[in-house]
Amino acid sequence: MEMSESRQQKLRKIWDAAIAAVAGRQAVLNALDADSPFLPDLIIAVGKAASGMCSGALERFPGCEALVVTKYEHTDRSLRAQAGVEVIESAHPIPDQHSLDAGRALLARMRSMPEGSRVLMLVSGGASALAEALPEDMTLADLQAMTDDMIATGKTIAQINARRKQTSLIKDGKLIEAFEGEEIRVYAISDVEGDSIETIGSGIGDCCCAEAKASSKIIASNQRSM
């Protein structure tokens, strides 16, 4: 039995509304509108949806400096053209050298923020592979082999991210711990079961080590598109 055109249109509207609800740009705009006033000195966006999320933040804070870490060919051209916006594209799901470059850049930016500064951090799925900082006794080849083995053996996202936390210098709340400014807010789009900030991006946006000056909020997820 064929579906009527009017029913197709209604279903299309429902689908479009669900997609819009979790789109990076709109999700960030909605969160900023709902939250208390906040004026960041730096925007950090990391993940496959980082470009859209950062674009939404820059609509509210034009001219703010931003560091965007995302997957190859996932950056909007208009974002690249904005002054003060640095973009690093890297590999997913297997990290590459640009992933390590991104991790170092994130740490450097976070550590450089002065007393009294504020950061808006935007996190989405894919952040684990797209940005990484390793201890001296671990190489990129080690990281790639570990990741490839976990994917090949069918490990879940939660299992993979839990393993990454053990060796990372920026996951599991360590990146935010490096922030010595006044306040950091984390907005995250979840791609994991349970929508835990501890699991998204291997906890790159986890505020557990800096709760006095950091807070996190899930602004979109699969559940919120239903």
N, C-alpha and C. Protein backbone atom coordinates (compact mmCIF):
# COMPACT_ATOMS: atom_id res chain seq x y z
N MET A 1 0.85 -1.20 0.00
CA MET A 1 0.00 0.00 0.00
C MET A 1 0.87 1.24 0.00
N GLU A 2 0.64 2.12 -0.98
CA GLU A 2 1.44 3.32 -1.08
C GLU A 2 1.03 4.35 -0.03
N MET A 3 2.02 5.07 0.45
CA MET A 3 1.77 6.12 1.43
C MET A 3 1.30 7.38 0.71
N SER A 4 0.29 8.04 1.27
CA SER A 4 -0.22 9.26 0.66
C SER A 4 0.83 10.37 0.70
N GLU A 5 0.72 11.31 -0.20
CA GLU A 5 1.67 12.41 -0.27
C GLU A 5 1.64 13.25 1.00
N SER A 6 0.43 13.47 1.56
CA SER A 6 0.31 14.28 2.78
C SER A 6 1.00 13.59 3.96
N ARG A 7 0.88 12.24 4.01
CA ARG A 7 1.53 11.51 5.10
C ARG A 7 3.05 11.55 4.93
N GLN A 8 3.51 11.46 3.70
CA GLN A 8 4.94 11.56 3.44
C GLN A 8 5.48 12.92 3.89
N GLN A 9 4.71 13.97 3.62
CA GLN A 9 5.13 15.32 4.01
C GLN A 9 5.19 15.46 5.53
N LYS A 10 4.23 14.87 6.23
CA LYS A 10 4.21 14.93 7.69
C LYS A 10 5.41 14.20 8.27
N LEU A 11 5.69 13.01 7.72
CA LEU A 11 6.84 12.24 8.21
C LEU A 11 8.14 12.97 7.92
N ARG A 12 8.19 13.63 6.76
CA ARG A 12 9.38 14.40 6.42
C ARG A 12 9.59 15.53 7.40
N LYS A 13 8.52 16.20 7.79
CA LYS A 13 8.62 17.30 8.76
C LYS A 13 9.10 16.79 10.11
N ILE A 14 8.59 15.63 10.52
CA ILE A 14 9.02 15.03 11.79
C ILE A 14 10.52 14.71 11.73
N TRP A 15 10.94 14.12 10.61
CA TRP A 15 12.36 13.78 10.43
C TRP A 15 13.23 15.03 10.47
N ASP A 16 12.83 16.06 9.74
CA ASP A 16 13.60 17.30 9.69
C ASP A 16 13.69 17.96 11.07
N ALA A 17 12.59 17.90 11.82
CA ALA A 17 12.59 18.48 13.16
C ALA A 17 13.53 17.73 14.09
N ALA A 18 13.56 16.40 13.94
CA ALA A 18 14.46 15.59 14.77
C ALA A 18 15.91 15.90 14.47
N ILE A 19 16.24 16.02 13.20
CA ILE A 19 17.61 16.33 12.80
C ILE A 19 18.00 17.72 13.29
N ALA A 20 17.10 18.68 13.15
CA ALA A 20 17.39 20.05 13.58
C ALA A 20 17.63 20.12 15.08
N ALA A 21 16.94 19.26 15.82
CA ALA A 21 17.05 19.30 17.28
C ALA A 21 18.44 18.94 17.77
N VAL A 22 19.16 18.12 17.00
CA VAL A 22 20.49 17.69 17.43
C VAL A 22 21.60 18.26 16.56
N ALA A 23 21.28 19.13 15.60
CA ALA A 23 22.31 19.75 14.77
C ALA A 23 23.20 20.63 15.65
N GLY A 24 24.50 20.59 15.39
CA GLY A 24 25.45 21.28 16.25
C GLY A 24 25.17 22.76 16.44
N ARG A 25 24.98 23.46 15.34
CA ARG A 25 24.78 24.92 15.42
C ARG A 25 23.56 25.25 16.26
N GLN A 26 22.42 24.64 15.95
CA GLN A 26 21.18 24.98 16.65
C GLN A 26 21.20 24.51 18.09
N ALA A 27 21.80 23.36 18.35
CA ALA A 27 21.88 22.87 19.72
C ALA A 27 22.65 23.83 20.61
N VAL A 28 23.74 24.38 20.09
CA VAL A 28 24.53 25.34 20.86
C VAL A 28 23.76 26.64 21.07
N LEU A 29 23.11 27.12 20.03
CA LEU A 29 22.31 28.34 20.18
C LEU A 29 21.20 28.16 21.22
N ASN A 30 20.53 27.02 21.18
CA ASN A 30 19.48 26.75 22.16
C ASN A 30 20.03 26.72 23.58
N ALA A 31 21.20 26.09 23.74
CA ALA A 31 21.80 25.99 25.07
C ALA A 31 22.22 27.36 25.59
N LEU A 32 22.79 28.17 24.73
CA LEU A 32 23.21 29.52 25.15
C LEU A 32 22.00 30.37 25.53
N ASP A 33 20.91 30.23 24.81
CA ASP A 33 19.70 30.98 25.12
C ASP A 33 19.10 30.55 26.46
N ALA A 34 19.23 29.26 26.78
CA ALA A 34 18.63 28.72 28.00
C ALA A 34 19.49 28.94 29.23
N ASP A 35 20.78 29.14 29.04
CA ASP A 35 21.71 29.24 30.15
C ASP A 35 21.83 30.67 30.66
N SER A 36 22.49 30.81 31.80
CA SER A 36 22.77 32.14 32.33
C SER A 36 23.80 32.83 31.46
N PRO A 37 23.86 34.18 31.48
CA PRO A 37 24.79 34.92 30.62
C PRO A 37 26.24 34.46 30.82
N PHE A 38 26.96 34.42 29.70
CA PHE A 38 28.33 33.92 29.72
C PHE A 38 29.07 34.51 28.54
N LEU A 39 30.21 35.13 28.78
CA LEU A 39 31.00 35.74 27.70
C LEU A 39 32.38 35.10 27.68
N PRO A 40 32.63 34.18 26.75
CA PRO A 40 33.91 33.48 26.73
C PRO A 40 35.02 34.30 26.10
N ASP A 41 36.25 34.03 26.54
CA ASP A 41 37.44 34.60 25.90
C ASP A 41 37.97 33.66 24.83
N LEU A 42 37.56 32.41 24.88
CA LEU A 42 38.01 31.40 23.92
C LEU A 42 36.92 30.34 23.75
N ILE A 43 36.73 29.92 22.52
CA ILE A 43 35.83 28.81 22.20
C ILE A 43 36.69 27.65 21.72
N ILE A 44 36.51 26.49 22.35
CA ILE A 44 37.17 25.26 21.90
C ILE A 44 36.09 24.30 21.44
N ALA A 45 36.22 23.79 20.23
CA ALA A 45 35.25 22.83 19.70
C ALA A 45 36.00 21.62 19.16
N VAL A 46 35.64 20.44 19.64
CA VAL A 46 36.33 19.23 19.20
C VAL A 46 35.34 18.11 18.97
N GLY A 47 35.45 17.45 17.81
CA GLY A 47 34.53 16.37 17.45
C GLY A 47 34.07 16.50 16.01
N LYS A 48 33.33 15.52 15.55
CA LYS A 48 32.87 15.54 14.16
C LYS A 48 31.84 16.65 13.91
N ALA A 49 31.16 17.10 14.95
CA ALA A 49 30.19 18.19 14.81
C ALA A 49 30.77 19.53 15.25
N ALA A 50 32.10 19.60 15.42
CA ALA A 50 32.73 20.81 15.97
C ALA A 50 32.50 22.05 15.12
N SER A 51 32.51 21.90 13.80
CA SER A 51 32.35 23.06 12.92
C SER A 51 31.00 23.73 13.13
N GLY A 52 29.93 22.94 13.10
CA GLY A 52 28.60 23.49 13.30
C GLY A 52 28.42 24.06 14.69
N MET A 53 28.94 23.37 15.70
CA MET A 53 28.81 23.84 17.07
C MET A 53 29.53 25.18 17.26
N CYS A 54 30.73 25.28 16.70
CA CYS A 54 31.48 26.53 16.83
C CYS A 54 30.79 27.66 16.07
N SER A 55 30.22 27.35 14.91
CA SER A 55 29.49 28.37 14.15
C SER A 55 28.34 28.95 14.95
N GLY A 56 27.63 28.08 15.67
CA GLY A 56 26.54 28.54 16.52
C GLY A 56 27.05 29.46 17.62
N ALA A 57 28.16 29.08 18.26
CA ALA A 57 28.72 29.91 19.33
C ALA A 57 29.18 31.26 18.80
N LEU A 58 29.77 31.26 17.61
CA LEU A 58 30.27 32.52 17.05
C LEU A 58 29.15 33.46 16.61
N GLU A 59 27.96 32.90 16.39
CA GLU A 59 26.81 33.78 16.12
C GLU A 59 26.49 34.62 17.35
N ARG A 60 26.68 34.05 18.53
CA ARG A 60 26.44 34.76 19.77
C ARG A 60 27.64 35.60 20.20
N PHE A 61 28.85 35.11 19.86
CA PHE A 61 30.07 35.78 20.30
C PHE A 61 30.98 36.08 19.11
N PRO A 62 30.53 36.94 18.20
CA PRO A 62 31.34 37.23 17.01
C PRO A 62 32.69 37.85 17.40
N GLY A 63 33.73 37.40 16.74
CA GLY A 63 35.06 37.92 17.02
C GLY A 63 35.81 37.18 18.10
N CYS A 64 35.14 36.26 18.79
CA CYS A 64 35.81 35.48 19.84
C CYS A 64 36.83 34.54 19.20
N GLU A 65 37.98 34.37 19.82
CA GLU A 65 38.95 33.41 19.33
C GLU A 65 38.41 31.99 19.48
N ALA A 66 38.79 31.13 18.54
CA ALA A 66 38.29 29.76 18.58
C ALA A 66 39.32 28.79 18.04
N LEU A 67 39.34 27.60 18.63
CA LEU A 67 40.14 26.49 18.14
C LEU A 67 39.19 25.34 17.83
N VAL A 68 39.18 24.90 16.58
CA VAL A 68 38.27 23.86 16.13
C VAL A 68 39.08 22.64 15.71
N VAL A 69 38.73 21.49 16.28
CA VAL A 69 39.37 20.22 15.92
C VAL A 69 38.28 19.30 15.40
N THR A 70 38.40 18.89 14.15
CA THR A 70 37.35 18.07 13.56
C THR A 70 37.92 17.11 12.52
N LYS A 71 37.07 16.31 11.95
CA LYS A 71 37.46 15.31 10.96
C LYS A 71 37.76 15.98 9.62
N TYR A 72 38.63 15.35 8.84
CA TYR A 72 38.94 15.85 7.51
C TYR A 72 37.65 16.10 6.71
N GLU A 73 37.63 17.26 6.04
CA GLU A 73 36.51 17.66 5.17
C GLU A 73 35.21 17.85 5.94
N HIS A 74 35.30 18.17 7.22
CA HIS A 74 34.10 18.43 8.03
C HIS A 74 34.01 19.90 8.47
N THR A 75 34.82 20.77 7.89
CA THR A 75 34.82 22.18 8.30
C THR A 75 34.11 23.04 7.27
N ASP A 76 33.18 23.84 7.75
CA ASP A 76 32.47 24.76 6.86
C ASP A 76 33.43 25.86 6.37
N ARG A 77 33.36 26.19 5.09
CA ARG A 77 34.26 27.19 4.52
C ARG A 77 34.14 28.54 5.19
N SER A 78 32.93 28.92 5.54
CA SER A 78 32.73 30.22 6.17
C SER A 78 33.43 30.31 7.52
N LEU A 79 33.57 29.17 8.20
CA LEU A 79 34.25 29.16 9.49
C LEU A 79 35.74 29.39 9.30
N ARG A 80 36.31 28.78 8.28
CA ARG A 80 37.73 28.96 8.00
C ARG A 80 38.07 30.41 7.70
N ALA A 81 37.11 31.13 7.13
CA ALA A 81 37.36 32.50 6.70
C ALA A 81 37.32 33.50 7.86
N GLN A 82 36.86 33.09 9.01
CA GLN A 82 36.72 34.02 10.12
C GLN A 82 38.05 34.25 10.83
N ALA A 83 38.33 35.51 11.09
CA ALA A 83 39.57 35.87 11.78
C ALA A 83 39.54 35.32 13.21
N GLY A 84 40.70 34.86 13.66
CA GLY A 84 40.79 34.37 15.02
C GLY A 84 40.36 32.94 15.21
N VAL A 85 40.01 32.25 14.13
CA VAL A 85 39.58 30.86 14.21
C VAL A 85 40.67 29.95 13.65
N GLU A 86 41.18 29.06 14.47
CA GLU A 86 42.17 28.08 14.04
C GLU A 86 41.48 26.73 13.88
N VAL A 87 41.71 26.09 12.75
CA VAL A 87 41.09 24.79 12.47
C VAL A 87 42.17 23.73 12.28
N ILE A 88 42.02 22.62 12.97
CA ILE A 88 42.89 21.46 12.78
C ILE A 88 42.01 20.27 12.42
N GLU A 89 42.24 19.69 11.25
CA GLU A 89 41.51 18.50 10.84
C GLU A 89 42.41 17.28 11.00
N SER A 90 41.82 16.19 11.47
CA SER A 90 42.59 14.98 11.72
C SER A 90 41.76 13.75 11.38
N ALA A 91 42.31 12.57 11.70
CA ALA A 91 41.71 11.32 11.25
C ALA A 91 40.76 10.71 12.28
N HIS A 92 39.80 9.95 11.75
CA HIS A 92 38.83 9.22 12.56
C HIS A 92 38.39 7.98 11.77
N PRO A 93 38.35 6.79 12.35
CA PRO A 93 38.48 6.48 13.79
C PRO A 93 39.91 6.18 14.26
N ILE A 94 40.85 6.00 13.33
CA ILE A 94 42.23 5.74 13.72
C ILE A 94 42.99 7.06 13.76
N PRO A 95 43.52 7.48 14.90
CA PRO A 95 44.23 8.76 15.01
C PRO A 95 45.44 8.82 14.08
N ASP A 96 45.83 10.04 13.69
CA ASP A 96 47.05 10.24 12.91
C ASP A 96 47.89 11.34 13.54
N GLN A 97 48.94 11.76 12.85
CA GLN A 97 49.82 12.78 13.41
C GLN A 97 49.08 14.08 13.70
N HIS A 98 48.12 14.41 12.86
CA HIS A 98 47.34 15.63 13.10
C HIS A 98 46.51 15.52 14.37
N SER A 99 46.14 14.31 14.76
CA SER A 99 45.44 14.11 16.03
C SER A 99 46.35 14.52 17.20
N LEU A 100 47.62 14.15 17.10
CA LEU A 100 48.58 14.54 18.14
C LEU A 100 48.85 16.04 18.10
N ASP A 101 48.90 16.61 16.89
CA ASP A 101 49.06 18.06 16.77
C ASP A 101 47.88 18.77 17.44
N ALA A 102 46.69 18.23 17.23
CA ALA A 102 45.49 18.82 17.83
C ALA A 102 45.53 18.73 19.34
N GLY A 103 45.95 17.59 19.86
CA GLY A 103 46.04 17.41 21.31
C GLY A 103 47.00 18.40 21.94
N ARG A 104 48.15 18.59 21.32
CA ARG A 104 49.13 19.55 21.83
C ARG A 104 48.57 20.97 21.78
N ALA A 105 47.86 21.29 20.70
CA ALA A 105 47.28 22.63 20.56
C ALA A 105 46.22 22.89 21.64
N LEU A 106 45.40 21.88 21.92
CA LEU A 106 44.38 22.02 22.96
C LEU A 106 45.01 22.25 24.32
N LEU A 107 46.03 21.48 24.65
CA LEU A 107 46.71 21.65 25.93
C LEU A 107 47.36 23.02 26.02
N ALA A 108 48.01 23.45 24.95
CA ALA A 108 48.69 24.75 24.95
C ALA A 108 47.70 25.89 25.15
N ARG A 109 46.59 25.84 24.45
CA ARG A 109 45.57 26.88 24.59
C ARG A 109 45.00 26.90 26.00
N MET A 110 44.70 25.72 26.54
CA MET A 110 44.10 25.65 27.87
C MET A 110 45.06 26.18 28.93
N ARG A 111 46.32 25.80 28.82
CA ARG A 111 47.32 26.23 29.80
C ARG A 111 47.64 27.71 29.69
N SER A 112 47.39 28.30 28.53
CA SER A 112 47.74 29.71 28.32
C SER A 112 46.68 30.68 28.80
N MET A 113 45.50 30.16 29.16
CA MET A 113 44.41 31.06 29.55
C MET A 113 44.74 31.72 30.89
N PRO A 114 44.67 33.05 30.95
CA PRO A 114 45.07 33.77 32.16
C PRO A 114 44.02 33.73 33.27
N GLU A 115 44.42 34.20 34.42
CA GLU A 115 43.49 34.31 35.55
C GLU A 115 42.32 35.20 35.16
N GLY A 116 41.12 34.77 35.51
CA GLY A 116 39.92 35.56 35.20
C GLY A 116 39.31 35.24 33.85
N SER A 117 39.93 34.38 33.07
CA SER A 117 39.43 34.08 31.73
C SER A 117 38.31 33.03 31.77
N ARG A 118 37.54 32.99 30.67
CA ARG A 118 36.43 32.04 30.55
C ARG A 118 36.54 31.31 29.21
N VAL A 119 36.19 30.03 29.25
CA VAL A 119 36.26 29.20 28.05
C VAL A 119 34.92 28.49 27.84
N LEU A 120 34.46 28.48 26.59
CA LEU A 120 33.31 27.68 26.20
C LEU A 120 33.85 26.49 25.42
N MET A 121 33.65 25.30 25.92
CA MET A 121 34.16 24.09 25.29
C MET A 121 33.00 23.28 24.71
N LEU A 122 33.10 22.94 23.44
CA LEU A 122 32.04 22.23 22.72
C LEU A 122 32.57 20.88 22.28
N VAL A 123 31.90 19.81 22.70
CA VAL A 123 32.40 18.45 22.48
C VAL A 123 31.34 17.62 21.76
N SER A 124 31.79 16.82 20.80
CA SER A 124 30.87 15.91 20.12
C SER A 124 31.57 14.61 19.81
N GLY A 125 30.84 13.65 19.27
CA GLY A 125 31.39 12.34 18.96
C GLY A 125 32.60 12.41 18.04
N GLY A 126 33.52 11.49 18.23
CA GLY A 126 34.73 11.46 17.43
C GLY A 126 35.91 12.15 18.07
N ALA A 127 35.67 12.87 19.16
CA ALA A 127 36.73 13.64 19.80
C ALA A 127 37.88 12.76 20.27
N SER A 128 37.60 11.53 20.64
CA SER A 128 38.64 10.63 21.14
C SER A 128 39.76 10.41 20.13
N ALA A 129 39.40 10.18 18.88
CA ALA A 129 40.40 9.92 17.85
C ALA A 129 40.98 11.21 17.27
N LEU A 130 40.18 12.25 17.24
CA LEU A 130 40.58 13.49 16.55
C LEU A 130 41.62 14.30 17.30
N ALA A 131 41.70 14.13 18.61
CA ALA A 131 42.68 14.88 19.41
C ALA A 131 43.26 13.98 20.49
N GLU A 132 44.58 13.96 20.58
CA GLU A 132 45.22 13.14 21.60
C GLU A 132 46.58 13.70 21.98
N ALA A 133 46.94 13.52 23.23
CA ALA A 133 48.27 13.85 23.74
C ALA A 133 48.76 12.64 24.52
N LEU A 134 49.94 12.17 24.19
CA LEU A 134 50.44 10.91 24.72
C LEU A 134 51.60 11.10 25.69
N PRO A 135 51.76 10.18 26.62
CA PRO A 135 52.95 10.21 27.48
C PRO A 135 54.19 9.90 26.66
N GLU A 136 55.36 10.21 27.21
CA GLU A 136 56.61 10.07 26.46
C GLU A 136 56.90 8.63 26.05
N ASP A 137 56.40 7.67 26.81
CA ASP A 137 56.72 6.28 26.51
C ASP A 137 55.75 5.62 25.54
N MET A 138 54.87 6.43 24.92
CA MET A 138 53.91 5.89 23.96
C MET A 138 54.01 6.65 22.64
N THR A 139 54.06 5.92 21.53
CA THR A 139 54.19 6.53 20.21
C THR A 139 52.86 6.55 19.47
N LEU A 140 52.83 7.28 18.37
CA LEU A 140 51.64 7.28 17.53
C LEU A 140 51.36 5.88 17.01
N ALA A 141 52.41 5.15 16.63
CA ALA A 141 52.23 3.78 16.14
C ALA A 141 51.59 2.90 17.21
N ASP A 142 51.98 3.10 18.46
CA ASP A 142 51.38 2.34 19.57
C ASP A 142 49.89 2.66 19.68
N LEU A 143 49.56 3.94 19.60
CA LEU A 143 48.17 4.37 19.71
C LEU A 143 47.33 3.82 18.56
N GLN A 144 47.87 3.88 17.35
CA GLN A 144 47.14 3.37 16.19
C GLN A 144 46.92 1.87 16.29
N ALA A 145 47.94 1.14 16.73
CA ALA A 145 47.80 -0.32 16.86
C ALA A 145 46.77 -0.67 17.92
N MET A 146 46.80 0.04 19.04
CA MET A 146 45.84 -0.20 20.11
C MET A 146 44.41 0.06 19.64
N THR A 147 44.21 1.19 18.93
CA THR A 147 42.88 1.54 18.45
C THR A 147 42.39 0.55 17.41
N ASP A 148 43.27 0.18 16.48
CA ASP A 148 42.90 -0.77 15.43
C ASP A 148 42.50 -2.11 16.04
N ASP A 149 43.24 -2.56 17.04
CA ASP A 149 42.93 -3.84 17.69
C ASP A 149 41.58 -3.80 18.40
N MET A 150 41.28 -2.70 19.08
CA MET A 150 40.01 -2.59 19.80
C MET A 150 38.83 -2.57 18.85
N ILE A 151 38.99 -1.88 17.72
CA ILE A 151 37.91 -1.84 16.73
C ILE A 151 37.73 -3.20 16.08
N ALA A 152 38.85 -3.85 15.74
CA ALA A 152 38.80 -5.16 15.07
C ALA A 152 38.18 -6.23 15.95
N THR A 153 38.36 -6.12 17.25
CA THR A 153 37.82 -7.13 18.17
C THR A 153 36.44 -6.78 18.70
N GLY A 154 35.82 -5.73 18.13
CA GLY A 154 34.43 -5.43 18.44
C GLY A 154 34.17 -4.77 19.77
N LYS A 155 35.15 -4.06 20.29
CA LYS A 155 34.96 -3.36 21.57
C LYS A 155 33.91 -2.25 21.40
N THR A 156 33.12 -2.01 22.43
CA THR A 156 32.13 -0.94 22.40
C THR A 156 32.81 0.41 22.54
N ILE A 157 32.08 1.48 22.25
CA ILE A 157 32.62 2.83 22.42
C ILE A 157 33.06 3.04 23.86
N ALA A 158 32.25 2.58 24.80
CA ALA A 158 32.58 2.76 26.21
C ALA A 158 33.88 2.04 26.56
N GLN A 159 34.06 0.84 26.03
CA GLN A 159 35.28 0.08 26.30
C GLN A 159 36.51 0.74 25.67
N ILE A 160 36.35 1.20 24.44
CA ILE A 160 37.45 1.87 23.74
C ILE A 160 37.85 3.14 24.48
N ASN A 161 36.86 3.92 24.87
CA ASN A 161 37.16 5.18 25.54
C ASN A 161 37.77 4.97 26.92
N ALA A 162 37.33 3.93 27.61
CA ALA A 162 37.90 3.63 28.92
C ALA A 162 39.39 3.29 28.79
N ARG A 163 39.74 2.57 27.74
CA ARG A 163 41.15 2.23 27.51
C ARG A 163 41.96 3.48 27.15
N ARG A 164 41.40 4.36 26.35
CA ARG A 164 42.10 5.57 25.95
C ARG A 164 42.41 6.48 27.15
N LYS A 165 41.49 6.49 28.10
CA LYS A 165 41.69 7.33 29.28
C LYS A 165 42.98 6.98 30.03
N GLN A 166 43.35 5.73 29.98
CA GLN A 166 44.49 5.26 30.76
C GLN A 166 45.81 5.84 30.30
N THR A 167 45.92 6.18 29.02
CA THR A 167 47.19 6.67 28.48
C THR A 167 47.15 8.14 28.06
N SER A 168 45.97 8.71 27.94
CA SER A 168 45.85 10.07 27.43
C SER A 168 46.23 11.13 28.45
N LEU A 169 46.80 12.22 27.95
CA LEU A 169 47.11 13.38 28.79
C LEU A 169 46.03 14.45 28.72
N ILE A 170 44.98 14.21 27.91
CA ILE A 170 43.90 15.21 27.81
C ILE A 170 42.52 14.62 28.09
N LYS A 171 42.40 13.29 28.10
CA LYS A 171 41.11 12.67 28.36
C LYS A 171 40.88 12.52 29.86
N ASP A 172 39.68 12.05 30.23
CA ASP A 172 39.35 11.78 31.63
C ASP A 172 39.49 13.02 32.52
N GLY A 173 39.13 14.18 31.96
CA GLY A 173 39.15 15.43 32.74
C GLY A 173 40.49 16.13 32.80
N LYS A 174 41.53 15.55 32.20
CA LYS A 174 42.87 16.12 32.33
C LYS A 174 43.04 17.43 31.57
N LEU A 175 42.36 17.57 30.43
CA LEU A 175 42.46 18.83 29.68
C LEU A 175 41.86 19.98 30.47
N ILE A 176 40.71 19.77 31.05
CA ILE A 176 40.07 20.83 31.83
C ILE A 176 40.85 21.10 33.11
N GLU A 177 41.48 20.10 33.66
CA GLU A 177 42.31 20.30 34.85
C GLU A 177 43.44 21.29 34.58
N ALA A 178 43.88 21.37 33.33
CA ALA A 178 44.98 22.27 32.96
C ALA A 178 44.54 23.73 32.89
N PHE A 179 43.24 24.00 32.94
CA PHE A 179 42.71 25.35 32.87
C PHE A 179 42.83 26.06 34.21
N GLU A 180 43.46 27.22 34.21
CA GLU A 180 43.66 27.98 35.45
C GLU A 180 42.89 29.30 35.47
N GLY A 181 41.96 29.46 34.54
CA GLY A 181 41.15 30.66 34.50
C GLY A 181 40.00 30.61 35.49
N GLU A 182 38.99 31.43 35.23
CA GLU A 182 37.88 31.57 36.18
C GLU A 182 36.75 30.57 35.96
N GLU A 183 36.36 30.35 34.71
CA GLU A 183 35.21 29.48 34.47
C GLU A 183 35.30 28.83 33.09
N ILE A 184 34.90 27.57 33.04
CA ILE A 184 34.79 26.86 31.77
C ILE A 184 33.45 26.14 31.74
N ARG A 185 32.74 26.31 30.63
CA ARG A 185 31.47 25.62 30.44
C ARG A 185 31.62 24.64 29.29
N VAL A 186 31.12 23.44 29.49
CA VAL A 186 31.20 22.40 28.48
C VAL A 186 29.79 22.07 27.98
N TYR A 187 29.58 22.19 26.68
CA TYR A 187 28.35 21.74 26.05
C TYR A 187 28.71 20.54 25.18
N ALA A 188 27.98 19.44 25.33
CA ALA A 188 28.32 18.22 24.61
C ALA A 188 27.13 17.65 23.86
N ILE A 189 27.42 17.13 22.68
CA ILE A 189 26.45 16.34 21.92
C ILE A 189 26.85 14.88 22.09
N SER A 190 25.94 14.09 22.59
CA SER A 190 26.26 12.70 22.94
C SER A 190 26.03 11.74 21.79
N ASP A 191 27.00 10.82 21.62
CA ASP A 191 26.83 9.71 20.68
C ASP A 191 26.99 8.38 21.40
N VAL A 192 26.88 8.41 22.74
CA VAL A 192 27.11 7.19 23.52
C VAL A 192 25.87 6.84 24.34
N GLU A 193 25.71 5.58 24.63
CA GLU A 193 24.60 5.11 25.44
C GLU A 193 24.73 5.67 26.85
N GLY A 194 23.64 6.22 27.36
CA GLY A 194 23.65 6.79 28.69
C GLY A 194 23.99 8.26 28.75
N ASP A 195 24.51 8.81 27.64
CA ASP A 195 24.82 10.24 27.55
C ASP A 195 25.71 10.73 28.68
N SER A 196 26.72 9.96 29.03
CA SER A 196 27.61 10.34 30.12
C SER A 196 28.77 11.19 29.62
N ILE A 197 28.98 12.35 30.22
CA ILE A 197 30.10 13.21 29.85
C ILE A 197 31.43 12.51 30.12
N GLU A 198 31.43 11.53 31.00
CA GLU A 198 32.64 10.77 31.30
C GLU A 198 33.04 9.86 30.15
N THR A 199 32.08 9.54 29.28
CA THR A 199 32.34 8.63 28.17
C THR A 199 32.52 9.36 26.84
N ILE A 200 31.76 10.44 26.62
CA ILE A 200 31.84 11.18 25.35
C ILE A 200 33.27 11.69 25.15
N GLY A 201 33.87 11.33 24.02
CA GLY A 201 35.24 11.77 23.76
C GLY A 201 36.23 11.30 24.80
N SER A 202 35.95 10.15 25.41
CA SER A 202 36.80 9.61 26.49
C SER A 202 36.94 10.58 27.65
N GLY A 203 35.89 11.36 27.88
CA GLY A 203 35.91 12.28 29.01
C GLY A 203 36.74 13.52 28.79
N ILE A 204 36.92 13.93 27.53
CA ILE A 204 37.70 15.14 27.26
C ILE A 204 37.00 16.38 27.81
N GLY A 205 35.68 16.30 27.99
CA GLY A 205 34.93 17.41 28.55
C GLY A 205 34.48 17.17 29.98
N ASP A 206 35.02 16.13 30.61
CA ASP A 206 34.65 15.80 31.99
C ASP A 206 35.22 16.86 32.95
N CYS A 207 34.37 17.37 33.82
CA CYS A 207 34.77 18.43 34.76
C CYS A 207 35.16 17.89 36.13
N CYS A 208 35.40 16.59 36.22
CA CYS A 208 35.63 15.96 37.53
C CYS A 208 36.85 16.52 38.26
N CYS A 209 37.83 17.01 37.54
CA CYS A 209 39.06 17.50 38.17
C CYS A 209 39.05 19.00 38.43
N ALA A 210 37.96 19.67 38.04
CA ALA A 210 37.91 21.13 38.21
C ALA A 210 36.48 21.59 38.46
N GLU A 211 35.79 20.91 39.35
CA GLU A 211 34.36 21.16 39.55
C GLU A 211 34.06 22.55 40.08
N ALA A 212 35.01 23.17 40.78
CA ALA A 212 34.75 24.48 41.35
C ALA A 212 34.60 25.56 40.28
N LYS A 213 35.22 25.35 39.13
CA LYS A 213 35.17 26.37 38.08
C LYS A 213 34.69 25.83 36.74
N ALA A 214 34.23 24.59 36.71
CA ALA A 214 33.80 23.97 35.46
C ALA A 214 32.45 23.30 35.61
N SER A 215 31.67 23.33 34.53
CA SER A 215 30.37 22.66 34.52
C SER A 215 30.13 22.09 33.13
N SER A 216 29.30 21.06 33.04
CA SER A 216 29.02 20.43 31.76
C SER A 216 27.53 20.20 31.58
N LYS A 217 27.12 20.17 30.32
CA LYS A 217 25.71 19.95 30.01
C LYS A 217 25.60 19.20 28.68
N ILE A 218 24.75 18.18 28.64
CA ILE A 218 24.45 17.49 27.39
C ILE A 218 23.37 18.30 26.67
N ILE A 219 23.69 18.82 25.50
CA ILE A 219 22.74 19.70 24.81
C ILE A 219 22.00 19.00 23.67
N ALA A 220 22.45 17.81 23.29
CA ALA A 220 21.76 17.04 22.26
C ALA A 220 22.23 15.60 22.33
N SER A 221 21.34 14.68 21.93
CA SER A 221 21.67 13.25 21.92
C SER A 221 20.66 12.55 21.05
N ASN A 222 20.85 11.25 20.85
CA ASN A 222 19.88 10.48 20.09
C ASN A 222 18.50 10.53 20.74
N GLN A 223 18.46 10.49 22.06
CA GLN A 223 17.19 10.55 22.78
C GLN A 223 16.47 11.87 22.56
N ARG A 224 17.22 12.94 22.47
CA ARG A 224 16.60 14.26 22.32
C ARG A 224 16.12 14.52 20.91
N SER A 225 16.44 13.63 19.98
CA SER A 225 15.91 13.78 18.62
C SER A 225 14.65 12.97 18.41
N MET A 226 14.27 12.21 19.45
CA MET A 226 13.10 11.33 19.31
C MET A 226 11.80 12.14 19.42
